[in-house]
Amino acid sequence: MPHDCSTPAIENGVYPFDARGVARRFRHAAIFGALEALAVGETMRFCNDHDPLPLLAQIKNYYGPRVAIEYVDRLPGEVIIDFRVIG
């Protein structure tokens, strides 16, 4: 099944967040706001046009083990990462 970030909600508590449509200056704030809105066990499926290594470092630093980070796809021009809240 292809990975999709265009639908409002995907099965099993996975919610898409397509960063490509958010102005660059607002992206990190919007992403952190979206993560704060998730309940334990829910996942934000993050789509972007590049690998957001500085963002991943910020998320790891701020949330530590409370948010699991897993690459779904890592293609040139399309990176998809699941951020799962684990507690």
Protein backbone atom coordinates (compact mmCIF):
# COMPACT_ATOMS: atom_id res chain seq x y z
CA MET A 1 0.00 0.00 0.00
CA PRO A 2 1.47 3.41 -0.90
CA HIS A 3 2.10 5.83 1.93
CA ASP A 4 -0.30 8.76 1.79
CA CYS A 5 -0.26 12.18 3.41
CA SER A 6 -3.23 13.63 1.58
CA THR A 7 -6.12 12.11 3.53
CA PRO A 8 -7.43 13.64 6.80
CA ALA A 9 -6.84 10.49 8.86
CA ILE A 10 -5.37 7.11 8.14
CA GLU A 11 -6.38 3.92 9.93
CA ASN A 12 -5.17 3.03 13.41
CA GLY A 13 -4.66 6.53 14.83
CA VAL A 14 -2.20 7.70 12.18
CA TYR A 15 -2.68 11.36 11.20
CA PRO A 16 -0.91 12.90 8.19
CA PHE A 17 1.06 16.13 8.42
CA ASP A 18 2.29 17.38 5.05
CA ALA A 19 4.97 19.95 5.82
CA ARG A 20 5.37 20.79 2.15
CA GLY A 21 2.28 23.00 2.37
CA VAL A 22 3.47 24.96 5.43
CA ALA A 23 5.62 28.08 5.04
CA ARG A 24 9.20 27.28 6.06
CA ARG A 25 9.29 29.87 8.84
CA PHE A 26 6.27 28.22 10.53
CA ARG A 27 7.12 24.55 10.00
CA HIS A 28 8.85 23.70 13.26
CA ALA A 29 6.23 25.48 15.37
CA ALA A 30 3.42 23.76 13.46
CA ILE A 31 5.08 20.35 13.81
CA PHE A 32 5.61 20.74 17.55
CA GLY A 33 2.00 21.92 17.91
CA ALA A 34 0.77 18.87 16.02
CA LEU A 35 2.86 16.56 18.20
CA GLU A 36 1.40 18.18 21.33
CA ALA A 37 -2.11 17.47 20.01
CA LEU A 38 -1.49 13.71 19.76
CA ALA A 39 -2.61 11.31 22.48
CA VAL A 40 -0.50 8.40 23.67
CA GLY A 41 -0.56 5.70 21.01
CA GLU A 42 -1.31 8.07 18.14
CA THR A 43 1.05 8.74 15.24
CA MET A 44 1.75 11.75 13.07
CA ARG A 45 2.80 10.69 9.56
CA PHE A 46 5.11 13.53 8.51
CA CYS A 47 5.75 14.22 4.81
CA ASN A 48 8.48 16.54 3.59
CA ASP A 49 10.57 17.26 0.51
CA HIS A 50 13.87 16.70 2.35
CA ASP A 51 15.27 14.76 5.30
CA PRO A 52 14.71 17.08 8.31
CA LEU A 53 17.74 16.13 10.38
CA PRO A 54 17.82 19.35 12.48
CA LEU A 55 14.10 18.89 13.27
CA LEU A 56 14.66 15.27 14.29
CA ALA A 57 17.41 16.38 16.67
CA GLN A 58 15.09 19.00 18.19
CA ILE A 59 12.29 16.45 18.65
CA LYS A 60 14.66 13.91 20.24
CA ASN A 61 16.07 16.60 22.53
CA TYR A 62 12.64 17.90 23.61
CA TYR A 63 10.60 14.68 23.84
CA GLY A 64 13.30 12.07 24.41
CA PRO A 65 11.85 8.55 24.50
CA ARG A 66 8.23 9.82 24.65
CA VAL A 67 8.13 10.11 20.84
CA ALA A 68 9.33 7.26 18.63
CA ILE A 69 10.71 8.27 15.22
CA GLU A 70 10.54 5.82 12.32
CA TYR A 71 11.25 6.42 8.64
CA VAL A 72 8.50 5.08 6.38
CA ASP A 73 10.05 6.25 3.08
CA ARG A 74 13.32 8.06 2.47
CA LEU A 75 13.26 8.94 -1.21
CA PRO A 76 14.82 11.95 -2.96
CA GLY A 77 12.22 14.73 -2.79
CA GLU A 78 9.85 12.74 -0.55
CA VAL A 79 10.61 11.78 3.01
CA ILE A 80 7.93 10.21 5.20
CA ILE A 81 8.47 9.74 8.92
CA ASP A 82 6.12 8.41 11.58
CA PHE A 83 6.24 10.16 14.95
CA ARG A 84 4.47 7.93 17.52
CA VAL A 85 3.65 9.17 21.01
CA ILE A 86 4.50 6.44 23.48
CA GLY A 87 4.08 8.21 26.79
